[in-house]
């Protein structure tokens, strides 16, 4: 089913070889790394975690969700991020999600697994689990509330060592409370050969893309996030794509395809067309969880999820918000 969906999107499955560390002489400052064969470009969709209406993990709904996403032609999947409610899952639920998604994807696109945690030991354990259950890469945000960038750097070194996989460096200060300036990100890129991509989410993202490109000692692909709210400007500054859970990934893919084809005006016009929904879905300044509840409601309406349930204490939309969502969808979504 997944293979059929992916081919229907005009993509052809290919085998991928996850990166591995040569552990001979391994230390935090002694790296021997063979890069993964991953095409870090395009749209890496951040997968929502499906639940039943009673809040139980809907493992049986994972293949359905994966098939729907792959049919839009995304370049990869990222799971167990903040938008995947990873912080509301038990360790066993995390494992079941990784296993279920990796099995459903069946090698057609790379699967990056979020392993961020407030403690180094936890994050390292999550990273090892992801590798053991078939992840192609890990995505790591800084430990929430960390004080001192040297401690953050050591956290990344130790998590990378445990993962032994390509690493997506997630710059996410909103939830973590940790600001990682461009010079610090450049330092991590220089020190950690496993860093193969960066996801920037410190608004406004476009200037930081420019600063990082000027400082990095080697080229590393940069993805935008934040629901796609700066996507056109991020592409203009050199971003390679987007890593977000916006529930119409085919729209982001089309915007990028116009842009890379040199059709800047068409890309801008399409971005502006979708921007009202991007803005409404992201709910800037809202109580944490509000955006995710709207995202899951859209996914439910698309038939990708059976339930829009978000785990407590996430806020759920009221009736008026759902009516407003219907109005925006009617104005923006074709057909």
C-alpha atoms as a PDB file:
ATOM      1  CA  UNK A   1       0.000   0.000   0.000  1.00  0.00           C
ATOM      2  CA  UNK A   2       2.760   2.430   0.924  1.00  0.00           C
ATOM      3  CA  UNK A   3       4.738   1.574  -2.202  1.00  0.00           C
ATOM      4  CA  UNK A   4       1.668   2.223  -4.327  1.00  0.00           C
ATOM      5  CA  UNK A   5       1.023   5.571  -2.634  1.00  0.00           C
ATOM      6  CA  UNK A   6       4.622   6.672  -3.071  1.00  0.00           C
ATOM      7  CA  UNK A   7       4.747   5.725  -6.733  1.00  0.00           C
ATOM      8  CA  UNK A   8       1.437   7.510  -7.260  1.00  0.00           C
ATOM      9  CA  UNK A   9       3.127  10.675  -6.040  1.00  0.00           C
ATOM     10  CA  UNK A  10       5.717  10.357  -8.796  1.00  0.00           C
ATOM     11  CA  UNK A  11       8.513   9.149  -6.519  1.00  0.00           C
ATOM     12  CA  UNK A  12      10.488   5.925  -6.786  1.00  0.00           C
ATOM     13  CA  UNK A  13      11.572   4.045  -3.685  1.00  0.00           C
ATOM     14  CA  UNK A  14      15.266   3.542  -3.152  1.00  0.00           C
ATOM     15  CA  UNK A  15      17.423   1.796  -0.624  1.00  0.00           C
ATOM     16  CA  UNK A  16      19.203   3.907   1.921  1.00  0.00           C
ATOM     17  CA  UNK A  17      22.207   3.156   4.055  1.00  0.00           C
ATOM     18  CA  UNK A  18      22.058   4.764   7.508  1.00  0.00           C
ATOM     19  CA  UNK A  19      25.231   6.436   8.633  1.00  0.00           C
ATOM     20  CA  UNK A  20      27.472   4.673  11.091  1.00  0.00           C
ATOM     21  CA  UNK A  21      30.274   5.750  13.349  1.00  0.00           C
ATOM     22  CA  UNK A  22      33.543   3.879  13.314  1.00  0.00           C
ATOM     23  CA  UNK A  23      34.015   3.521  17.072  1.00  0.00           C
ATOM     24  CA  UNK A  24      37.740   2.820  16.931  1.00  0.00           C
ATOM     25  CA  UNK A  25      39.400   5.476  19.039  1.00  0.00           C
ATOM     26  CA  UNK A  26      36.006   7.070  19.582  1.00  0.00           C
ATOM     27  CA  UNK A  27      35.761  10.074  21.872  1.00  0.00           C
ATOM     28  CA  UNK A  28      33.870  13.337  21.988  1.00  0.00           C
ATOM     29  CA  UNK A  29      36.665  14.954  20.002  1.00  0.00           C
ATOM     30  CA  UNK A  30      37.685  11.914  17.921  1.00  0.00           C
ATOM     31  CA  UNK A  31      35.209  11.152  15.167  1.00  0.00           C
ATOM     32  CA  UNK A  32      35.373   8.671  12.298  1.00  0.00           C
ATOM     33  CA  UNK A  33      32.085   8.960  10.475  1.00  0.00           C
ATOM     34  CA  UNK A  34      30.788   7.451   7.255  1.00  0.00           C
ATOM     35  CA  UNK A  35      27.912   9.687   6.072  1.00  0.00           C
ATOM     36  CA  UNK A  36      24.462   8.296   5.346  1.00  0.00           C
ATOM     37  CA  UNK A  37      22.994   8.226   1.889  1.00  0.00           C
ATOM     38  CA  UNK A  38      20.152  10.642   2.628  1.00  0.00           C
ATOM     39  CA  UNK A  39      18.924  13.357   0.310  1.00  0.00           C
ATOM     40  CA  UNK A  40      18.440  16.214   2.749  1.00  0.00           C
ATOM     41  CA  UNK A  41      16.137  18.376   0.655  1.00  0.00           C
ATOM     42  CA  UNK A  42      12.475  18.985  -0.023  1.00  0.00           C
ATOM     43  CA  UNK A  43       9.675  18.458   2.462  1.00  0.00           C
ATOM     44  CA  UNK A  44      10.288  16.304   5.525  1.00  0.00           C
ATOM     45  CA  UNK A  45       6.836  15.955   7.032  1.00  0.00           C
ATOM     46  CA  UNK A  46       6.627  15.919  10.830  1.00  0.00           C
ATOM     47  CA  UNK A  47       4.167  13.171  11.575  1.00  0.00           C
ATOM     48  CA  UNK A  48       1.373  13.633  14.101  1.00  0.00           C
ATOM     49  CA  UNK A  49       0.965  10.774  16.546  1.00  0.00           C
ATOM     50  CA  UNK A  50      -2.494   9.189  16.144  1.00  0.00           C
ATOM     51  CA  UNK A  51      -4.644   8.517  19.182  1.00  0.00           C
ATOM     52  CA  UNK A  52      -8.091   7.042  19.646  1.00  0.00           C
ATOM     53  CA  UNK A  53     -10.887   9.176  21.066  1.00  0.00           C
ATOM     54  CA  UNK A  54     -10.110   7.712  24.505  1.00  0.00           C
ATOM     55  CA  UNK A  55      -6.488   8.872  24.279  1.00  0.00           C
ATOM     56  CA  UNK A  56      -4.928   5.469  23.614  1.00  0.00           C
ATOM     57  CA  UNK A  57      -2.142   5.240  21.041  1.00  0.00           C
ATOM     58  CA  UNK A  58      -3.655   4.256  17.682  1.00  0.00           C
ATOM     59  CA  UNK A  59      -0.879   2.019  16.364  1.00  0.00           C
ATOM     60  CA  UNK A  60      -3.185   0.567  13.729  1.00  0.00           C
ATOM     61  CA  UNK A  61      -3.685   4.092  12.356  1.00  0.00           C
ATOM     62  CA  UNK A  62       0.021   4.603  11.618  1.00  0.00           C
ATOM     63  CA  UNK A  63       0.100   2.818   8.221  1.00  0.00           C
ATOM     64  CA  UNK A  64      -2.939   4.792   7.073  1.00  0.00           C
ATOM     65  CA  UNK A  65      -1.315   8.071   8.066  1.00  0.00           C
ATOM     66  CA  UNK A  66       2.049   7.178   6.544  1.00  0.00           C
ATOM     67  CA  UNK A  67       0.454   6.122   3.252  1.00  0.00           C
ATOM     68  CA  UNK A  68      -1.487   9.399   3.018  1.00  0.00           C
ATOM     69  CA  UNK A  69       1.623  11.487   3.663  1.00  0.00           C
ATOM     70  CA  UNK A  70       3.798   9.566   1.211  1.00  0.00           C
ATOM     71  CA  UNK A  71       1.158  10.018  -1.472  1.00  0.00           C
ATOM     72  CA  UNK A  72       1.879  13.766  -1.383  1.00  0.00           C
ATOM     73  CA  UNK A  73       5.468  13.177  -2.520  1.00  0.00           C
ATOM     74  CA  UNK A  74       7.370  14.202   0.596  1.00  0.00           C
ATOM     75  CA  UNK A  75      11.113  13.586   0.738  1.00  0.00           C
ATOM     76  CA  UNK A  76      11.149  12.182   4.256  1.00  0.00           C
ATOM     77  CA  UNK A  77       9.322  11.761   7.548  1.00  0.00           C
ATOM     78  CA  UNK A  78      10.235  13.050  10.981  1.00  0.00           C
ATOM     79  CA  UNK A  79       8.527  11.450  13.965  1.00  0.00           C
ATOM     80  CA  UNK A  80       8.394  12.000  17.720  1.00  0.00           C
ATOM     81  CA  UNK A  81       9.001  15.715  17.517  1.00  0.00           C
ATOM     82  CA  UNK A  82       7.202  18.300  19.611  1.00  0.00           C
ATOM     83  CA  UNK A  83       4.326  18.209  17.102  1.00  0.00           C
ATOM     84  CA  UNK A  84       4.311  14.439  17.498  1.00  0.00           C
ATOM     85  CA  UNK A  85       3.539  14.814  21.222  1.00  0.00           C
ATOM     86  CA  UNK A  86       6.648  12.800  22.039  1.00  0.00           C
ATOM     87  CA  UNK A  87       6.783  14.413  25.480  1.00  0.00           C
ATOM     88  CA  UNK A  88       3.363  12.861  26.232  1.00  0.00           C
ATOM     89  CA  UNK A  89       4.308   9.307  25.276  1.00  0.00           C
ATOM     90  CA  UNK A  90       5.612   6.511  27.457  1.00  0.00           C
ATOM     91  CA  UNK A  91       8.880   4.833  26.497  1.00  0.00           C
ATOM     92  CA  UNK A  92       6.923   1.826  25.241  1.00  0.00           C
ATOM     93  CA  UNK A  93       4.687   4.046  23.123  1.00  0.00           C
ATOM     94  CA  UNK A  94       7.745   5.731  21.618  1.00  0.00           C
ATOM     95  CA  UNK A  95       9.134   2.348  20.641  1.00  0.00           C
ATOM     96  CA  UNK A  96       5.842   1.262  19.080  1.00  0.00           C
ATOM     97  CA  UNK A  97       5.626   4.472  17.048  1.00  0.00           C
ATOM     98  CA  UNK A  98       9.179   4.068  15.723  1.00  0.00           C
ATOM     99  CA  UNK A  99       8.597   0.418  14.849  1.00  0.00           C
ATOM    100  CA  UNK A 100       5.221   1.128  13.249  1.00  0.00           C
ATOM    101  CA  UNK A 101       6.410   4.007  11.099  1.00  0.00           C
ATOM    102  CA  UNK A 102       9.632   2.336   9.972  1.00  0.00           C
ATOM    103  CA  UNK A 103       7.660  -0.753   8.980  1.00  0.00           C
ATOM    104  CA  UNK A 104       5.017   1.279   7.130  1.00  0.00           C
ATOM    105  CA  UNK A 105       7.564   3.421   5.274  1.00  0.00           C
ATOM    106  CA  UNK A 106       9.390   0.291   4.158  1.00  0.00           C
ATOM    107  CA  UNK A 107      12.476   2.204   3.055  1.00  0.00           C
ATOM    108  CA  UNK A 108      10.797   4.535   0.559  1.00  0.00           C
ATOM    109  CA  UNK A 109      11.912   7.697   2.350  1.00  0.00           C
ATOM    110  CA  UNK A 110      14.256   8.424   5.266  1.00  0.00           C
ATOM    111  CA  UNK A 111      12.754   8.388   8.756  1.00  0.00           C
ATOM    112  CA  UNK A 112      14.256  10.812  11.276  1.00  0.00           C
ATOM    113  CA  UNK A 113      13.289  10.248  14.910  1.00  0.00           C
ATOM    114  CA  UNK A 114      13.097  13.001  17.505  1.00  0.00           C
ATOM    115  CA  UNK A 115      15.087  12.017  20.596  1.00  0.00           C
ATOM    116  CA  UNK A 116      15.219  15.308  22.490  1.00  0.00           C
ATOM    117  CA  UNK A 117      14.970  15.230  26.278  1.00  0.00           C
ATOM    118  CA  UNK A 118      15.684  17.431  29.272  1.00  0.00           C
ATOM    119  CA  UNK A 119      18.460  15.090  30.371  1.00  0.00           C
ATOM    120  CA  UNK A 120      21.439  13.739  28.441  1.00  0.00           C
ATOM    121  CA  UNK A 121      20.931  10.188  29.702  1.00  0.00           C
ATOM    122  CA  UNK A 122      17.313  10.176  28.502  1.00  0.00           C
ATOM    123  CA  UNK A 123      18.127  11.614  25.089  1.00  0.00           C
ATOM    124  CA  UNK A 124      20.984   9.154  24.608  1.00  0.00           C
ATOM    125  CA  UNK A 125      18.676   6.276  25.490  1.00  0.00           C
ATOM    126  CA  UNK A 126      16.008   7.500  23.075  1.00  0.00           C
ATOM    127  CA  UNK A 127      18.662   7.796  20.354  1.00  0.00           C
ATOM    128  CA  UNK A 128      19.923   4.254  20.905  1.00  0.00           C
ATOM    129  CA  UNK A 129      16.347   2.939  20.821  1.00  0.00           C
ATOM    130  CA  UNK A 130      15.661   4.770  17.551  1.00  0.00           C
ATOM    131  CA  UNK A 131      18.761   3.278  15.941  1.00  0.00           C
ATOM    132  CA  UNK A 132      17.933  -0.235  17.152  1.00  0.00           C
ATOM    133  CA  UNK A 133      14.441  -0.021  15.659  1.00  0.00           C
ATOM    134  CA  UNK A 134      15.401   1.174  12.209  1.00  0.00           C
ATOM    135  CA  UNK A 135      15.663   4.975  12.271  1.00  0.00           C
ATOM    136  CA  UNK A 136      17.722   6.554   9.499  1.00  0.00           C
ATOM    137  CA  UNK A 137      18.558   9.694  11.495  1.00  0.00           C
ATOM    138  CA  UNK A 138      17.784  11.450  14.752  1.00  0.00           C
ATOM    139  CA  UNK A 139      16.573  14.985  15.387  1.00  0.00           C
ATOM    140  CA  UNK A 140      17.837  16.615  18.570  1.00  0.00           C
ATOM    141  CA  UNK A 141      16.783  19.877  20.226  1.00  0.00           C
ATOM    142  CA  UNK A 142      18.724  21.289  23.191  1.00  0.00           C
ATOM    143  CA  UNK A 143      17.788  20.140  26.701  1.00  0.00           C
ATOM    144  CA  UNK A 144      14.961  22.288  28.030  1.00  0.00           C
ATOM    145  CA  UNK A 145      16.055  24.987  30.427  1.00  0.00           C
ATOM    146  CA  UNK A 146      19.774  24.313  30.009  1.00  0.00           C
ATOM    147  CA  UNK A 147      22.068  27.080  31.206  1.00  0.00           C
ATOM    148  CA  UNK A 148      25.418  27.491  29.519  1.00  0.00           C
ATOM    149  CA  UNK A 149      26.163  26.624  25.911  1.00  0.00           C
ATOM    150  CA  UNK A 150      29.192  24.516  26.816  1.00  0.00           C
ATOM    151  CA  UNK A 151      26.838  22.125  28.638  1.00  0.00           C
ATOM    152  CA  UNK A 152      24.547  22.107  25.609  1.00  0.00           C
ATOM    153  CA  UNK A 153      27.494  21.277  23.355  1.00  0.00           C
ATOM    154  CA  UNK A 154      28.485  18.358  25.590  1.00  0.00           C
ATOM    155  CA  UNK A 155      24.868  17.138  25.529  1.00  0.00           C
ATOM    156  CA  UNK A 156      24.967  17.056  21.722  1.00  0.00           C
ATOM    157  CA  UNK A 157      28.309  15.267  21.694  1.00  0.00           C
ATOM    158  CA  UNK A 158      27.086  12.523  24.014  1.00  0.00           C
ATOM    159  CA  UNK A 159      23.729  12.070  22.278  1.00  0.00           C
ATOM    160  CA  UNK A 160      25.457  11.885  18.890  1.00  0.00           C
ATOM    161  CA  UNK A 161      27.803   9.268  20.278  1.00  0.00           C
ATOM    162  CA  UNK A 162      24.856   7.167  21.487  1.00  0.00           C
ATOM    163  CA  UNK A 163      22.903   7.593  18.255  1.00  0.00           C
ATOM    164  CA  UNK A 164      25.642   6.637  15.770  1.00  0.00           C
ATOM    165  CA  UNK A 165      23.322   8.021  13.092  1.00  0.00           C
ATOM    166  CA  UNK A 166      23.043  11.235  11.061  1.00  0.00           C
ATOM    167  CA  UNK A 167      21.829  14.067  13.261  1.00  0.00           C
ATOM    168  CA  UNK A 168      19.384  16.868  12.532  1.00  0.00           C
ATOM    169  CA  UNK A 169      20.270  19.818  14.731  1.00  0.00           C
ATOM    170  CA  UNK A 170      16.976  21.353  15.869  1.00  0.00           C
ATOM    171  CA  UNK A 171      17.192  25.004  16.871  1.00  0.00           C
ATOM    172  CA  UNK A 172      13.962  25.326  18.871  1.00  0.00           C
ATOM    173  CA  UNK A 173      13.994  28.013  21.586  1.00  0.00           C
ATOM    174  CA  UNK A 174      10.219  28.349  22.063  1.00  0.00           C
ATOM    175  CA  UNK A 175       9.683  25.100  23.945  1.00  0.00           C
ATOM    176  CA  UNK A 176      13.210  24.496  25.225  1.00  0.00           C
ATOM    177  CA  UNK A 177      13.939  28.019  26.396  1.00  0.00           C
ATOM    178  CA  UNK A 178      17.450  27.622  24.963  1.00  0.00           C
ATOM    179  CA  UNK A 179      18.689  30.136  22.404  1.00  0.00           C
ATOM    180  CA  UNK A 180      21.500  28.818  20.216  1.00  0.00           C
ATOM    181  CA  UNK A 181      23.071  31.718  18.300  1.00  0.00           C
ATOM    182  CA  UNK A 182      24.373  31.166  14.777  1.00  0.00           C
ATOM    183  CA  UNK A 183      28.035  31.066  15.927  1.00  0.00           C
ATOM    184  CA  UNK A 184      27.177  28.276  18.375  1.00  0.00           C
ATOM    185  CA  UNK A 185      25.343  26.294  15.692  1.00  0.00           C
ATOM    186  CA  UNK A 186      28.399  26.711  13.457  1.00  0.00           C
ATOM    187  CA  UNK A 187      30.543  25.405  16.308  1.00  0.00           C
ATOM    188  CA  UNK A 188      28.382  22.273  16.638  1.00  0.00           C
ATOM    189  CA  UNK A 189      28.561  21.693  12.883  1.00  0.00           C
ATOM    190  CA  UNK A 190      32.353  21.935  13.049  1.00  0.00           C
ATOM    191  CA  UNK A 191      32.682  19.675  16.097  1.00  0.00           C
ATOM    192  CA  UNK A 192      30.114  17.020  15.212  1.00  0.00           C
ATOM    193  CA  UNK A 193      30.561  15.293  11.847  1.00  0.00           C
ATOM    194  CA  UNK A 194      27.229  13.511  12.304  1.00  0.00           C
ATOM    195  CA  UNK A 195      25.326  16.802  11.940  1.00  0.00           C
ATOM    196  CA  UNK A 196      23.922  16.497   8.425  1.00  0.00           C
ATOM    197  CA  UNK A 197      21.057  19.003   8.566  1.00  0.00           C
ATOM    198  CA  UNK A 198      19.770  21.906  10.640  1.00  0.00           C
ATOM    199  CA  UNK A 199      16.173  22.780  11.402  1.00  0.00           C
ATOM    200  CA  UNK A 200      15.856  26.465  12.302  1.00  0.00           C
ATOM    201  CA  UNK A 201      12.901  27.659  14.384  1.00  0.00           C
ATOM    202  CA  UNK A 202      14.108  30.826  16.058  1.00  0.00           C
ATOM    203  CA  UNK A 203      11.921  33.526  14.533  1.00  0.00           C
ATOM    204  CA  UNK A 204      12.565  35.343  12.356  1.00  0.00           C
ATOM    205  CA  UNK A 205      14.338  32.457  10.671  1.00  0.00           C
ATOM    206  CA  UNK A 206      15.520  34.063   7.376  1.00  0.00           C
ATOM    207  CA  UNK A 207      18.291  36.270   8.849  1.00  0.00           C
ATOM    208  CA  UNK A 208      19.613  33.360  10.877  1.00  0.00           C
ATOM    209  CA  UNK A 209      19.855  31.217   7.739  1.00  0.00           C
ATOM    210  CA  UNK A 210      22.084  33.880   6.205  1.00  0.00           C
ATOM    211  CA  UNK A 211      24.243  34.189   9.333  1.00  0.00           C
ATOM    212  CA  UNK A 212      24.701  30.444   9.666  1.00  0.00           C
ATOM    213  CA  UNK A 213      25.653  30.032   6.008  1.00  0.00           C
ATOM    214  CA  UNK A 214      28.363  32.659   6.452  1.00  0.00           C
ATOM    215  CA  UNK A 215      29.772  31.018   9.595  1.00  0.00           C
ATOM    216  CA  UNK A 216      29.554  27.281   8.945  1.00  0.00           C
ATOM    217  CA  UNK A 217      32.861  25.619   8.061  1.00  0.00           C
ATOM    218  CA  UNK A 218      31.128  23.092   5.805  1.00  0.00           C
ATOM    219  CA  UNK A 219      27.841  23.192   3.892  1.00  0.00           C
ATOM    220  CA  UNK A 220      24.937  21.728   5.859  1.00  0.00           C
ATOM    221  CA  UNK A 221      21.360  21.777   4.525  1.00  0.00           C
ATOM    222  CA  UNK A 222      19.004  24.053   6.443  1.00  0.00           C
ATOM    223  CA  UNK A 223      15.288  23.397   6.798  1.00  0.00           C
ATOM    224  CA  UNK A 224      12.634  25.833   7.913  1.00  0.00           C
ATOM    225  CA  UNK A 225       9.966  24.897  10.429  1.00  0.00           C
ATOM    226  CA  UNK A 226       7.346  26.855  12.360  1.00  0.00           C
ATOM    227  CA  UNK A 227       4.526  25.445  10.278  1.00  0.00           C
ATOM    228  CA  UNK A 228       5.894  27.033   7.108  1.00  0.00           C
ATOM    229  CA  UNK A 229       5.102  30.605   8.101  1.00  0.00           C
ATOM    230  CA  UNK A 230       8.422  31.919   6.654  1.00  0.00           C
ATOM    231  CA  UNK A 231       8.794  29.270   3.963  1.00  0.00           C
ATOM    232  CA  UNK A 232       9.126  31.496   0.894  1.00  0.00           C
ATOM    233  CA  UNK A 233      11.589  33.824   2.620  1.00  0.00           C
ATOM    234  CA  UNK A 234      13.534  30.824   3.942  1.00  0.00           C
ATOM    235  CA  UNK A 235      13.890  29.450   0.418  1.00  0.00           C
ATOM    236  CA  UNK A 236      15.065  32.876  -0.713  1.00  0.00           C
ATOM    237  CA  UNK A 237      17.807  32.809   1.933  1.00  0.00           C
ATOM    238  CA  UNK A 238      19.042  29.363   0.919  1.00  0.00           C
ATOM    239  CA  UNK A 239      16.911  26.879   2.876  1.00  0.00           C
ATOM    240  CA  UNK A 240      16.793  23.486   1.182  1.00  0.00           C
ATOM    241  CA  UNK A 241      13.202  22.787   2.207  1.00  0.00           C
ATOM    242  CA  UNK A 242      10.865  22.580   5.185  1.00  0.00           C
ATOM    243  CA  UNK A 243      10.568  20.187   8.103  1.00  0.00           C
ATOM    244  CA  UNK A 244       7.100  20.792   9.451  1.00  0.00           C
ATOM    245  CA  UNK A 245       3.796  19.059  10.069  1.00  0.00           C
ATOM    246  CA  UNK A 246       1.680  21.495   8.056  1.00  0.00           C
ATOM    247  CA  UNK A 247      -1.267  19.261   7.056  1.00  0.00           C
ATOM    248  CA  UNK A 248      -1.024  20.014   3.324  1.00  0.00           C
ATOM    249  CA  UNK A 249       2.570  18.954   2.583  1.00  0.00           C
ATOM    250  CA  UNK A 250       1.770  18.829  -1.132  1.00  0.00           C
ATOM    251  CA  UNK A 251       1.312  22.621  -1.034  1.00  0.00           C
ATOM    252  CA  UNK A 252       4.779  23.144   0.450  1.00  0.00           C
ATOM    253  CA  UNK A 253       6.225  20.719  -2.074  1.00  0.00           C
ATOM    254  CA  UNK A 254       4.635  22.667  -4.952  1.00  0.00           C
ATOM    255  CA  UNK A 255       5.948  25.987  -3.614  1.00  0.00           C
ATOM    256  CA  UNK A 256       9.465  24.606  -3.421  1.00  0.00           C
ATOM    257  CA  UNK A 257       9.284  22.983  -6.840  1.00  0.00           C
ATOM    258  CA  UNK A 258       8.338  26.318  -8.419  1.00  0.00           C
ATOM    259  CA  UNK A 259      11.159  28.016  -6.522  1.00  0.00           C
ATOM    260  CA  UNK A 260      13.927  25.574  -7.481  1.00  0.00           C
ATOM    261  CA  UNK A 261      12.722  25.693 -11.102  1.00  0.00           C
ATOM    262  CA  UNK A 262      13.412  29.423 -11.105  1.00  0.00           C
ATOM    263  CA  UNK A 263       9.702  30.318 -11.062  1.00  0.00           C
ATOM    264  CA  UNK A 264       9.980  32.719  -8.155  1.00  0.00           C
ATOM    265  CA  UNK A 265       6.794  34.671  -8.905  1.00  0.00           C
ATOM    266  CA  UNK A 266       4.759  31.459  -9.109  1.00  0.00           C
ATOM    267  CA  UNK A 267       6.281  30.190  -5.856  1.00  0.00           C
ATOM    268  CA  UNK A 268       5.490  33.471  -4.114  1.00  0.00           C
ATOM    269  CA  UNK A 269       1.912  33.531  -5.399  1.00  0.00           C
ATOM    270  CA  UNK A 270       1.298  29.967  -4.241  1.00  0.00           C
ATOM    271  CA  UNK A 271       2.818  30.697  -0.838  1.00  0.00           C
ATOM    272  CA  UNK A 272       0.600  33.756  -0.442  1.00  0.00           C
ATOM    273  CA  UNK A 273      -2.425  31.666  -1.422  1.00  0.00           C
ATOM    274  CA  UNK A 274      -1.771  29.157   1.367  1.00  0.00           C
ATOM    275  CA  UNK A 275      -0.578  31.704   3.929  1.00  0.00           C
ATOM    276  CA  UNK A 276      -3.999  32.312   5.572  1.00  0.00           C
ATOM    277  CA  UNK A 277      -4.219  28.617   6.460  1.00  0.00           C
ATOM    278  CA  UNK A 278      -0.548  28.456   7.461  1.00  0.00           C
ATOM    279  CA  UNK A 279      -1.140  31.387   9.823  1.00  0.00           C
ATOM    280  CA  UNK A 280      -4.401  30.048  11.230  1.00  0.00           C
ATOM    281  CA  UNK A 281      -3.028  26.543  11.721  1.00  0.00           C
ATOM    282  CA  UNK A 282       0.102  27.779  13.498  1.00  0.00           C
ATOM    283  CA  UNK A 283      -1.911  29.974  15.934  1.00  0.00           C
ATOM    284  CA  UNK A 284       0.927  32.412  16.740  1.00  0.00           C
ATOM    285  CA  UNK A 285       1.148  33.292  20.423  1.00  0.00           C
ATOM    286  CA  UNK A 286      -1.452  30.727  21.474  1.00  0.00           C
ATOM    287  CA  UNK A 287      -1.425  28.371  24.456  1.00  0.00           C
ATOM    288  CA  UNK A 288       0.905  25.442  23.632  1.00  0.00           C
ATOM    289  CA  UNK A 289      -1.010  22.615  21.987  1.00  0.00           C
ATOM    290  CA  UNK A 290      -3.652  24.795  20.335  1.00  0.00           C
ATOM    291  CA  UNK A 291      -1.938  24.643  16.952  1.00  0.00           C
ATOM    292  CA  UNK A 292      -1.518  20.884  17.170  1.00  0.00           C
ATOM    293  CA  UNK A 293      -5.208  20.415  17.964  1.00  0.00           C
ATOM    294  CA  UNK A 294      -6.128  22.372  14.827  1.00  0.00           C
ATOM    295  CA  UNK A 295      -3.595  20.425  12.771  1.00  0.00           C
ATOM    296  CA  UNK A 296      -5.030  17.117  13.905  1.00  0.00           C
ATOM    297  CA  UNK A 297      -8.553  18.293  13.174  1.00  0.00           C
ATOM    298  CA  UNK A 298      -7.495  19.081   9.606  1.00  0.00           C
ATOM    299  CA  UNK A 299      -5.847  15.681   9.314  1.00  0.00           C
ATOM    300  CA  UNK A 300      -9.058  14.075  10.579  1.00  0.00           C
ATOM    301  CA  UNK A 301     -11.089  15.954   7.994  1.00  0.00           C
ATOM    302  CA  UNK A 302      -8.685  14.794   5.300  1.00  0.00           C
ATOM    303  CA  UNK A 303      -9.269  11.209   6.402  1.00  0.00           C
ATOM    304  CA  UNK A 304      -5.656  10.746   7.484  1.00  0.00           C
ATOM    305  CA  UNK A 305      -6.520  10.378  11.184  1.00  0.00           C
ATOM    306  CA  UNK A 306      -9.517   8.671  12.748  1.00  0.00           C
ATOM    307  CA  UNK A 307      -9.478  11.040  15.705  1.00  0.00           C
ATOM    308  CA  UNK A 308      -8.203  14.566  16.330  1.00  0.00           C
ATOM    309  CA  UNK A 309      -7.458  13.751  19.981  1.00  0.00           C
ATOM    310  CA  UNK A 310      -4.532  15.579  21.598  1.00  0.00           C
ATOM    311  CA  UNK A 311      -3.304  14.489  24.980  1.00  0.00           C
ATOM    312  CA  UNK A 312      -3.916  16.548  28.107  1.00  0.00           C
ATOM    313  CA  UNK A 313      -3.018  19.239  29.017  1.00  0.00           C
ATOM    314  CA  UNK A 314      -3.081  20.421  25.407  1.00  0.00           C
ATOM    315  CA  UNK A 315      -5.877  22.886  24.714  1.00  0.00           C
ATOM    316  CA  UNK A 316      -8.681  21.831  22.374  1.00  0.00           C
ATOM    317  CA  UNK A 317     -10.399  24.229  19.964  1.00  0.00           C
ATOM    318  CA  UNK A 318     -13.807  25.589  20.854  1.00  0.00           C
ATOM    319  CA  UNK A 319     -16.787  25.488  18.500  1.00  0.00           C
ATOM    320  CA  UNK A 320     -16.135  28.978  17.149  1.00  0.00           C
ATOM    321  CA  UNK A 321     -12.528  28.111  16.294  1.00  0.00           C
ATOM    322  CA  UNK A 322     -13.685  25.052  14.381  1.00  0.00           C
ATOM    323  CA  UNK A 323     -16.146  27.201  12.438  1.00  0.00           C
ATOM    324  CA  UNK A 324     -13.349  29.639  11.625  1.00  0.00           C
ATOM    325  CA  UNK A 325     -11.206  26.736  10.480  1.00  0.00           C
ATOM    326  CA  UNK A 326     -13.973  25.608   8.133  1.00  0.00           C
ATOM    327  CA  UNK A 327     -14.136  29.102   6.669  1.00  0.00           C
ATOM    328  CA  UNK A 328     -10.390  29.296   6.067  1.00  0.00           C
ATOM    329  CA  UNK A 329     -10.299  25.823   4.523  1.00  0.00           C
ATOM    330  CA  UNK A 330     -13.161  26.700   2.177  1.00  0.00           C
ATOM    331  CA  UNK A 331     -11.297  29.813   1.014  1.00  0.00           C
ATOM    332  CA  UNK A 332      -7.847  28.233   0.587  1.00  0.00           C
ATOM    333  CA  UNK A 333      -8.047  24.539  -0.241  1.00  0.00           C
ATOM    334  CA  UNK A 334      -8.751  23.780  -3.908  1.00  0.00           C
ATOM    335  CA  UNK A 335     -11.999  21.969  -4.669  1.00  0.00           C
END
